[in-house]
Amino acid sequence: MEVTHRELIAKVPPSELGRDWSELPSDLLLHIFGKLDIPDVFSSGAVCRNWHSTYLEARRCGSFSPDQSPCLIFSSSCCHPKTVTLQNLITEKVYHITLPDPPFRDRFVMGSSYGWLITADDGSHLFLVNPVTGHQIAMPPPETMKNVKLRSNTEGALDRYDHLYLNLDMLPGFGIHKVQHLSLEEGRFYFYMRVILSSDPSSGNCIVVTLHLLEGVIFFTRVGDSQWTCLDVDYRCCRYHDVFYSSYHNLFYAIRDNGDVDSIDLSGPSPVFNIVIQTGITVVDNRKYIVGSDWGDLLQVWRYHKYVGDDPRTNTMAVYKIDLVEKKLVEVKDLQGYALFMGFTGAFFLHVKDFPMLAPDNIYYTDDYVEWIFFKRFGFREIGAFSLKDGSFTDLLPLDSRLNWPPPVWIRPSCPGTFLNNLENALVDEFQSFSGQVDAC
């Protein structure tokens, strides 16, 4: 049964001098924990023995709120290179968490999905890491992609990748022509322009899709597989800007630079490609994203840039509904009470009734201009909100101590119950020390 905040407050007895809050009934405490953001639940579990016992029960039952607040995740100049900083956009609380190797500051972060960060180390190896649990999953190495070769120098040491351009007109299997030499670190900017997950990687059935920067071609794999597979079922499988996974249709949707959209079914033994819409657009002057809305529409987001000095900045945005019946795009200004979060992050919607601090019909964005990030690693990074109603911009979270590498991204924390919690580890010593001093708890 759903318990409202008002009902919770009514169950709590009036405050009295000397009241022992460790004696709160466990069922009431479970309900309270179920309303908190995950990091706050972990902190509550370190208060005393009774609260810690209830916290363990919450973990066992998975009694965490699905409505986790959006956080900005970044590296802070005052912290260790292995430490990530999460700042809650709603409460402005800040949390510091240490990740496993490689150090966070050595990673390129190209997004988040299902509470997992999508990162690549300085050798261009892809890792999925949950900053809350500390669990990390290594994906197949890039040299298992058909257009990537790992090369050695004259002394036999690995020192570069050969990135082979794919000629999409030479089916079957695509022809290969023209070679670009990349350092071991540079590869990550070319191999992982976008990385999309079909589900929580801990579910055991997660498909991972990546877009290559120059050709916009798709490679895919599954968590646990040993190599990447090229999507080469059609010569049109290229020039993609973004990919979105619809769990409702069990399909990936991919958008090209001109707004054309294809569907890709990777659930069977062989990929199935279908055309969803062809726009006929010939002028390409923006970056395009494809998003599935919470109310059932398939949307395109067009993001325009202008230069302010040497830095590209978002100039305006437009959202279009894909009319699947009329096969056309219809501009929309109303997100039906939702706010949209996007950037490198797998886009997600939050309803403002659940998060009143958010502005409806606003797009909360981070910087994902990967070409510019590659050339100016510590340059200007955008973090802001754009109003579809009046076209205004709002700068967000001006943190003086925030570093611009790795690029900040949005994340909604998650905590699969099967994994030991990373943040909990930091609280264990604190709890043991504290509990030794408290007799009543």
Protein backbone atom coordinates (compact mmCIF):
# COMPACT_ATOMS: atom_id res chain seq x y z
CA MET A 1 0.00 0.00 0.00
CA GLU A 2 1.32 3.45 -0.95
CA VAL A 3 1.96 5.66 2.08
CA THR A 4 1.92 9.41 1.54
CA HIS A 5 4.35 11.85 3.09
CA ARG A 6 1.50 13.32 5.18
CA GLU A 7 0.63 9.87 6.57
CA LEU A 8 4.28 9.24 7.44
CA ILE A 9 4.49 12.48 9.38
CA ALA A 10 1.26 11.65 11.21
CA LYS A 11 2.76 8.35 12.44
CA VAL A 12 5.82 10.00 13.92
CA PRO A 13 5.28 10.89 17.60
CA PRO A 14 5.84 14.50 18.69
CA SER A 15 9.43 15.39 19.47
CA GLU A 16 10.31 15.18 23.14
CA LEU A 17 13.47 16.08 24.99
CA GLY A 18 15.73 13.04 25.09
CA ARG A 19 13.65 10.94 22.67
CA ASP A 20 15.58 7.95 21.38
CA TRP A 21 15.08 7.95 17.58
CA SER A 22 16.77 4.57 17.36
CA GLU A 23 13.49 3.08 18.65
CA LEU A 24 11.44 4.10 15.60
CA PRO A 25 9.37 1.08 14.46
CA SER A 26 11.15 -0.81 11.67
CA ASP A 27 8.08 -0.77 9.38
CA LEU A 28 7.85 3.01 9.66
CA LEU A 29 11.59 3.31 9.07
CA LEU A 30 11.29 1.12 5.95
CA HIS A 31 8.62 3.45 4.59
CA ILE A 32 10.82 6.46 5.30
CA PHE A 33 13.84 4.83 3.64
CA GLY A 34 11.63 4.10 0.64
CA LYS A 35 11.12 7.84 0.15
CA LEU A 36 14.79 8.85 0.31
CA ASP A 37 17.47 9.15 -2.34
CA ILE A 38 19.80 6.15 -2.29
CA PRO A 39 22.86 7.98 -0.84
CA ASP A 40 20.71 9.27 2.04
CA VAL A 41 19.48 5.73 2.77
CA PHE A 42 23.08 4.57 3.11
CA SER A 43 23.90 7.46 5.41
CA SER A 44 20.85 6.62 7.54
CA GLY A 45 22.04 3.03 7.80
CA ALA A 46 25.13 4.24 9.66
CA VAL A 47 23.19 6.06 12.41
CA CYS A 48 22.80 3.15 14.85
CA ARG A 49 22.35 -0.61 15.09
CA ASN A 50 18.56 -0.62 14.72
CA TRP A 51 18.63 1.71 11.73
CA HIS A 52 21.42 -0.35 10.17
CA SER A 53 19.36 -3.51 10.60
CA THR A 54 16.39 -1.87 8.89
CA TYR A 55 18.67 -0.58 6.17
CA LEU A 56 19.89 -4.14 5.48
CA GLU A 57 16.26 -5.25 5.24
CA ALA A 58 15.59 -2.43 2.75
CA ARG A 59 18.52 -3.65 0.66
CA ARG A 60 17.34 -7.25 0.79
CA CYS A 61 13.83 -6.28 -0.29
CA GLY A 62 14.99 -3.68 -2.81
CA SER A 63 12.89 -1.10 -0.99
CA PHE A 64 14.45 1.91 -2.68
CA SER A 65 12.39 4.63 -4.29
CA PRO A 66 12.27 4.40 -8.09
CA ASP A 67 12.02 8.21 -8.17
CA GLN A 68 15.69 8.94 -7.63
CA SER A 69 16.70 12.57 -7.98
CA PRO A 70 18.90 13.51 -10.95
CA CYS A 71 22.52 14.16 -10.06
CA LEU A 72 25.38 15.78 -11.88
CA ILE A 73 28.47 13.61 -11.73
CA PHE A 74 31.90 15.14 -12.19
CA SER A 75 35.48 15.31 -10.88
CA SER A 76 36.23 17.88 -8.20
CA SER A 77 39.62 19.55 -8.00
CA CYS A 78 39.62 19.13 -4.21
CA CYS A 79 39.27 15.34 -4.41
CA HIS A 80 41.47 12.37 -5.28
CA PRO A 81 41.63 11.43 -9.00
CA LYS A 82 39.74 8.18 -8.20
CA THR A 83 36.88 10.07 -6.53
CA VAL A 84 33.64 11.05 -8.24
CA THR A 85 31.40 13.83 -6.97
CA LEU A 86 27.63 13.57 -7.22
CA GLN A 87 25.63 16.74 -6.75
CA ASN A 88 21.88 16.31 -6.32
CA LEU A 89 20.13 18.78 -8.61
CA ILE A 90 17.06 18.92 -6.35
CA THR A 91 18.60 19.19 -2.87
CA GLU A 92 22.10 20.38 -3.91
CA LYS A 93 23.59 17.79 -1.55
CA VAL A 94 27.09 16.64 -2.52
CA TYR A 95 28.42 13.09 -2.20
CA HIS A 96 31.97 11.83 -2.81
CA ILE A 97 32.53 8.21 -3.88
CA THR A 98 35.74 6.38 -4.74
CA LEU A 99 35.63 4.26 -7.89
CA PRO A 100 37.73 1.21 -8.71
CA ASP A 101 40.63 1.56 -11.13
CA PRO A 102 41.18 3.07 -13.60
CA PRO A 103 41.05 6.46 -11.82
CA PHE A 104 37.95 8.47 -12.65
CA ARG A 105 40.03 11.42 -13.83
CA ASP A 106 41.75 9.19 -16.42
CA ARG A 107 38.44 8.10 -17.92
CA PHE A 108 36.41 9.56 -20.75
CA VAL A 109 32.76 9.56 -19.62
CA MET A 110 30.38 9.35 -22.54
CA GLY A 111 27.16 9.01 -20.63
CA SER A 112 25.07 7.17 -18.08
CA SER A 113 22.15 4.78 -18.24
CA TYR A 114 20.17 2.85 -15.62
CA GLY A 115 22.41 4.41 -12.96
CA TRP A 116 25.62 3.13 -14.59
CA LEU A 117 28.40 5.33 -15.94
CA ILE A 118 29.69 4.52 -19.42
CA THR A 119 33.43 5.20 -19.48
CA ALA A 120 36.60 4.45 -21.43
CA ASP A 121 40.13 4.37 -20.02
CA ASP A 122 43.23 5.89 -21.61
CA GLY A 123 43.74 2.70 -23.62
CA SER A 124 40.22 3.08 -25.12
CA HIS A 125 38.78 0.09 -23.27
CA LEU A 126 35.11 0.48 -22.42
CA PHE A 127 33.88 0.00 -18.84
CA LEU A 128 30.41 0.19 -17.33
CA VAL A 129 30.63 1.20 -13.68
CA ASN A 130 27.95 1.77 -11.07
CA PRO A 131 29.25 4.60 -8.85
CA VAL A 132 26.94 3.59 -6.00
CA THR A 133 27.78 -0.11 -5.84
CA GLY A 134 31.33 0.10 -7.20
CA HIS A 135 30.57 -2.80 -9.53
CA GLN A 136 32.39 -2.59 -12.87
CA ILE A 137 31.93 -4.50 -16.12
CA ALA A 138 34.56 -4.58 -18.86
CA MET A 139 33.27 -4.66 -22.42
CA PRO A 140 35.05 -6.38 -25.34
CA PRO A 141 38.28 -4.64 -26.41
CA PRO A 142 38.03 -2.22 -29.38
CA GLU A 143 40.31 -4.33 -31.59
CA THR A 144 37.47 -6.88 -31.84
CA MET A 145 35.62 -4.34 -34.01
CA LYS A 146 36.11 -5.22 -37.67
CA ASN A 147 37.48 -1.78 -38.58
CA VAL A 148 39.93 -1.42 -35.65
CA LYS A 149 43.42 -2.93 -35.61
CA LEU A 150 45.85 -2.82 -32.68
CA ARG A 151 49.41 -2.00 -33.77
CA SER A 152 52.87 -2.18 -32.19
CA ASN A 153 55.91 0.03 -32.59
CA THR A 154 59.31 -1.17 -33.77
CA GLU A 155 60.15 -2.30 -30.26
CA GLY A 156 57.08 -4.50 -30.05
CA ALA A 157 55.12 -2.32 -27.62
CA LEU A 158 51.44 -1.64 -28.37
CA ASP A 159 51.21 2.03 -29.28
CA ARG A 160 48.30 2.79 -31.63
CA TYR A 161 45.06 1.78 -33.31
CA ASP A 162 44.49 1.70 -37.05
CA HIS A 163 40.97 2.96 -37.59
CA LEU A 164 39.74 1.70 -40.95
CA TYR A 165 37.01 3.63 -42.71
CA LEU A 166 34.07 1.51 -43.84
CA ASN A 167 32.77 1.88 -47.38
CA LEU A 168 29.07 1.29 -46.92
CA ASP A 169 28.40 0.87 -50.64
CA MET A 170 30.36 -2.36 -50.81
CA LEU A 171 27.95 -4.92 -49.34
CA PRO A 172 27.92 -7.62 -48.14
CA GLY A 173 29.94 -6.96 -45.03
CA PHE A 174 31.03 -3.43 -45.99
CA GLY A 175 34.27 -2.72 -47.78
CA ILE A 176 37.23 -1.24 -45.92
CA HIS A 177 39.31 1.61 -47.27
CA LYS A 178 41.47 4.42 -45.94
CA VAL A 179 43.29 4.13 -42.62
CA GLN A 180 43.49 6.64 -39.78
CA HIS A 181 46.21 6.18 -37.16
CA LEU A 182 45.09 6.90 -33.59
CA SER A 183 46.98 6.81 -30.32
CA LEU A 184 45.75 4.31 -27.75
CA GLU A 185 43.96 7.14 -25.97
CA GLU A 186 42.50 8.85 -29.05
CA GLY A 187 40.57 5.74 -30.01
CA ARG A 188 37.93 6.32 -27.34
CA PHE A 189 36.80 9.56 -28.98
CA TYR A 190 36.24 7.79 -32.31
CA PHE A 191 34.88 4.40 -31.21
CA TYR A 192 32.31 5.60 -28.67
CA MET A 193 30.56 8.73 -29.93
CA ARG A 194 27.38 7.35 -28.35
CA VAL A 195 26.93 4.27 -26.17
CA ILE A 196 23.41 2.99 -25.45
CA LEU A 197 22.27 0.23 -23.08
CA SER A 198 19.10 -1.79 -23.52
CA SER A 199 18.75 -2.55 -19.79
CA ASP A 200 20.55 -2.53 -16.47
CA PRO A 201 23.89 -4.26 -17.16
CA SER A 202 23.44 -6.37 -14.02
CA SER A 203 20.25 -7.90 -15.44
CA GLY A 204 22.20 -10.44 -17.50
CA ASN A 205 20.48 -9.52 -20.75
CA CYS A 206 21.92 -6.13 -21.66
CA ILE A 207 22.70 -5.19 -25.27
CA VAL A 208 25.30 -2.44 -25.69
CA VAL A 209 25.31 -0.33 -28.86
CA THR A 210 28.02 2.15 -29.83
CA LEU A 211 28.27 4.70 -32.66
CA HIS A 212 31.55 5.47 -34.38
CA LEU A 213 32.32 9.15 -34.73
CA LEU A 214 33.27 9.57 -38.37
CA GLU A 215 31.02 7.15 -40.24
CA GLY A 216 28.16 7.01 -37.71
CA VAL A 217 28.07 3.21 -38.03
CA ILE A 218 26.80 0.91 -35.29
CA PHE A 219 28.59 -1.84 -33.45
CA PHE A 220 26.87 -3.92 -30.81
CA THR A 221 27.57 -6.60 -28.23
CA ARG A 222 26.03 -8.14 -25.13
CA VAL A 223 27.35 -7.94 -21.61
CA GLY A 224 29.49 -11.04 -21.23
CA ASP A 225 30.33 -11.40 -24.95
CA SER A 226 33.93 -11.29 -26.15
CA GLN A 227 33.67 -9.19 -29.31
CA TRP A 228 31.77 -6.43 -31.11
CA THR A 229 29.55 -7.05 -34.14
CA CYS A 230 29.09 -4.53 -36.95
CA LEU A 231 25.55 -3.67 -38.06
CA ASP A 232 26.05 -4.30 -41.77
CA VAL A 233 22.67 -5.59 -42.93
CA ASP A 234 22.00 -2.55 -45.14
CA TYR A 235 24.14 0.07 -46.89
CA ARG A 236 22.06 2.77 -45.17
CA CYS A 237 23.25 1.73 -41.70
CA CYS A 238 25.44 4.81 -41.33
CA ARG A 239 25.54 8.56 -40.59
CA TYR A 240 23.67 8.05 -37.34
CA HIS A 241 23.75 10.79 -34.71
CA ASP A 242 21.98 9.05 -31.83
CA VAL A 243 20.31 5.81 -30.80
CA PHE A 244 17.48 5.14 -28.35
CA TYR A 245 16.23 1.82 -26.99
CA SER A 246 12.49 1.27 -26.54
CA SER A 247 11.80 -1.45 -23.99
CA TYR A 248 8.13 -1.28 -25.02
CA HIS A 249 8.86 -2.19 -28.65
CA ASN A 250 12.07 -4.11 -27.87
CA LEU A 251 13.73 -2.09 -30.63
CA PHE A 252 16.59 0.34 -31.06
CA TYR A 253 15.73 3.53 -32.97
CA ALA A 254 18.58 5.33 -34.73
CA ILE A 255 18.46 8.88 -36.14
CA ARG A 256 20.65 10.21 -38.96
CA ASP A 257 22.05 13.70 -39.38
CA ASN A 258 19.13 14.60 -41.68
CA GLY A 259 16.41 13.37 -39.31
CA ASP A 260 15.74 10.01 -40.99
CA VAL A 261 14.94 7.30 -38.45
CA ASP A 262 15.42 3.53 -38.67
CA SER A 263 14.43 0.75 -36.30
CA ILE A 264 16.88 -2.03 -35.47
CA ASP A 265 15.88 -5.31 -33.85
CA LEU A 266 18.84 -6.99 -32.15
CA SER A 267 16.84 -9.50 -30.10
CA GLY A 268 17.12 -12.38 -32.56
CA PRO A 269 20.00 -14.32 -34.09
CA SER A 270 20.37 -11.73 -36.89
CA PRO A 271 19.72 -7.97 -36.86
CA VAL A 272 16.55 -6.73 -38.55
CA PHE A 273 16.61 -3.24 -40.12
CA ASN A 274 13.51 -1.19 -41.06
CA ILE A 275 12.92 2.40 -42.17
CA VAL A 276 10.65 4.36 -39.82
CA ILE A 277 10.65 7.81 -41.47
CA GLN A 278 12.49 9.59 -44.26
CA THR A 279 12.39 13.37 -43.90
CA GLY A 280 13.87 14.49 -47.20
CA ILE A 281 15.93 17.09 -45.33
CA THR A 282 19.06 18.08 -47.23
CA VAL A 283 20.50 20.85 -44.99
CA VAL A 284 22.22 19.55 -41.86
CA ASP A 285 23.05 22.36 -39.41
CA ASN A 286 22.39 20.85 -35.98
CA ARG A 287 22.93 17.81 -33.79
CA LYS A 288 20.02 15.42 -33.59
CA TYR A 289 18.80 13.15 -30.80
CA ILE A 290 16.02 10.58 -30.64
CA VAL A 291 14.04 10.15 -27.44
CA GLY A 292 11.12 8.01 -26.34
CA SER A 293 8.70 10.02 -24.20
CA ASP A 294 6.98 8.72 -21.08
CA TRP A 295 3.59 9.37 -22.73
CA GLY A 296 4.33 7.17 -25.75
CA ASP A 297 5.55 9.54 -28.46
CA LEU A 298 8.80 9.13 -30.36
CA LEU A 299 10.58 12.51 -30.38
CA GLN A 300 13.47 14.17 -32.15
CA VAL A 301 15.49 16.89 -30.41
CA TRP A 302 17.49 19.28 -32.61
CA ARG A 303 20.30 21.18 -30.89
CA TYR A 304 21.87 24.20 -32.57
CA HIS A 305 25.25 25.67 -31.62
CA LYS A 306 26.95 29.02 -31.99
CA TYR A 307 30.46 30.08 -31.12
CA VAL A 308 31.18 32.39 -28.20
CA GLY A 309 34.84 33.16 -28.63
CA ASP A 310 36.42 29.80 -29.28
CA ASP A 311 33.76 27.78 -27.48
CA PRO A 312 30.66 26.20 -29.07
CA ARG A 313 27.53 26.95 -27.05
CA THR A 314 23.96 25.79 -27.42
CA ASN A 315 22.05 28.47 -29.29
CA THR A 316 18.54 26.98 -29.32
CA MET A 317 16.71 23.66 -29.33
CA ALA A 318 13.62 22.30 -31.02
CA VAL A 319 11.55 19.18 -30.32
CA TYR A 320 9.57 17.31 -32.97
CA LYS A 321 7.09 14.49 -32.60
CA ILE A 322 7.44 11.74 -35.19
CA ASP A 323 3.97 11.23 -36.65
CA LEU A 324 4.17 7.55 -37.56
CA VAL A 325 0.85 7.67 -39.44
CA GLU A 326 1.48 10.71 -41.62
CA LYS A 327 5.24 10.03 -41.76
CA LYS A 328 6.16 13.60 -40.87
CA LEU A 329 7.65 15.70 -38.09
CA VAL A 330 5.44 17.96 -35.96
CA GLU A 331 7.09 20.55 -33.70
CA VAL A 332 5.99 20.48 -30.04
CA LYS A 333 6.47 23.03 -27.27
CA ASP A 334 4.72 21.07 -24.53
CA LEU A 335 6.39 18.16 -22.72
CA GLN A 336 3.13 17.43 -20.85
CA GLY A 337 4.44 18.39 -17.43
CA TYR A 338 7.78 16.66 -17.82
CA ALA A 339 11.38 17.86 -17.88
CA LEU A 340 13.84 16.20 -20.26
CA PHE A 341 17.45 15.37 -19.33
CA MET A 342 19.95 14.82 -22.12
CA GLY A 343 23.54 15.20 -23.28
CA PHE A 344 25.90 12.23 -23.36
CA THR A 345 23.39 10.74 -20.95
CA GLY A 346 20.78 8.32 -22.23
CA ALA A 347 17.88 10.79 -22.26
CA PHE A 348 15.21 10.48 -19.57
CA PHE A 349 12.07 12.33 -18.50
CA LEU A 350 11.04 13.36 -14.97
CA HIS A 351 7.57 14.64 -14.09
CA VAL A 352 7.64 17.93 -12.20
CA LYS A 353 4.88 16.77 -9.85
CA ASP A 354 7.43 14.33 -8.44
CA PHE A 355 10.24 16.90 -8.54
CA PRO A 356 8.66 20.34 -8.00
CA MET A 357 12.05 22.06 -8.17
CA LEU A 358 12.24 21.21 -11.88
CA ALA A 359 10.69 23.46 -14.51
CA PRO A 360 8.16 21.83 -16.85
CA ASP A 361 8.85 21.87 -20.59
CA ASN A 362 12.55 22.44 -19.93
CA ILE A 363 15.47 20.51 -21.37
CA TYR A 364 18.28 19.99 -18.85
CA TYR A 365 21.45 19.44 -20.84
CA THR A 366 25.15 18.86 -20.48
CA ASP A 367 27.95 19.27 -23.01
CA ASP A 368 28.34 16.43 -25.50
CA TYR A 369 30.17 18.13 -28.36
CA VAL A 370 32.61 15.24 -28.56
CA GLU A 371 34.80 16.75 -31.28
CA TRP A 372 35.38 19.86 -29.16
CA ILE A 373 35.88 17.87 -25.97
CA PHE A 374 38.58 15.90 -27.77
CA PHE A 375 40.48 19.02 -28.83
CA LYS A 376 39.91 21.08 -25.66
CA ARG A 377 39.81 18.61 -22.81
CA PHE A 378 39.72 21.22 -20.07
CA GLY A 379 37.75 23.81 -22.03
CA PHE A 380 34.34 25.30 -21.34
CA ARG A 381 31.53 22.80 -20.56
CA GLU A 382 27.85 23.58 -20.82
CA ILE A 383 25.44 22.67 -18.02
CA GLY A 384 22.08 24.35 -18.25
CA ALA A 385 18.36 24.28 -18.89
CA PHE A 386 16.49 25.44 -22.00
CA SER A 387 12.81 26.41 -21.92
CA LEU A 388 10.75 25.27 -24.88
CA LYS A 389 8.08 27.81 -23.93
CA ASP A 390 10.08 31.03 -24.21
CA GLY A 391 13.49 29.95 -25.54
CA SER A 392 15.34 31.13 -22.42
CA PHE A 393 18.45 29.55 -20.93
CA THR A 394 19.35 28.96 -17.28
CA ASP A 395 22.92 28.18 -16.19
CA LEU A 396 23.07 25.41 -13.60
CA LEU A 397 25.41 24.48 -10.79
CA PRO A 398 28.25 26.98 -11.13
CA LEU A 399 30.78 24.94 -9.12
CA ASP A 400 34.15 26.69 -8.83
CA SER A 401 35.91 23.45 -7.83
CA ARG A 402 34.49 21.39 -10.71
CA LEU A 403 36.97 20.14 -13.27
CA ASN A 404 35.85 19.86 -16.88
CA TRP A 405 37.45 16.47 -17.34
CA PRO A 406 35.85 14.00 -17.50
CA PRO A 407 32.86 15.81 -19.03
CA PRO A 408 30.06 16.16 -16.42
CA VAL A 409 26.94 14.07 -17.12
CA TRP A 410 23.51 13.52 -15.59
CA ILE A 411 22.84 10.29 -13.69
CA ARG A 412 20.02 8.80 -11.64
CA PRO A 413 21.66 6.55 -9.03
CA SER A 414 20.65 2.89 -8.89
CA CYS A 415 21.50 0.07 -6.53
CA PRO A 416 21.05 -3.52 -7.77
CA GLY A 417 20.48 -5.57 -4.64
CA THR A 418 22.94 -8.29 -5.65
CA PHE A 419 26.02 -6.09 -5.34
CA LEU A 420 27.84 -4.89 -2.24
CA ASN A 421 27.45 -1.20 -2.02
CA ASN A 422 30.46 1.02 -2.73
CA LEU A 423 29.15 3.91 -0.70
CA GLU A 424 28.24 1.49 2.08
CA ASN A 425 31.91 0.50 2.37
CA ALA A 426 32.77 4.08 3.28
CA LEU A 427 30.11 3.95 6.00
CA VAL A 428 31.02 0.58 7.52
CA ASP A 429 34.00 1.88 9.51
CA GLU A 430 32.02 4.91 10.56
CA PHE A 431 29.16 2.71 11.75
CA GLN A 432 31.40 0.28 13.64
CA SER A 433 33.19 3.13 15.35
CA PHE A 434 29.93 4.86 16.16
CA SER A 435 28.12 1.76 17.40
CA GLY A 436 30.92 1.03 19.82
CA GLN A 437 30.14 4.34 21.53
CA VAL A 438 26.35 3.99 21.65
CA ASP A 439 24.92 1.51 24.13
CA ALA A 440 21.24 2.05 23.46
CA CYS A 441 21.44 1.49 19.73
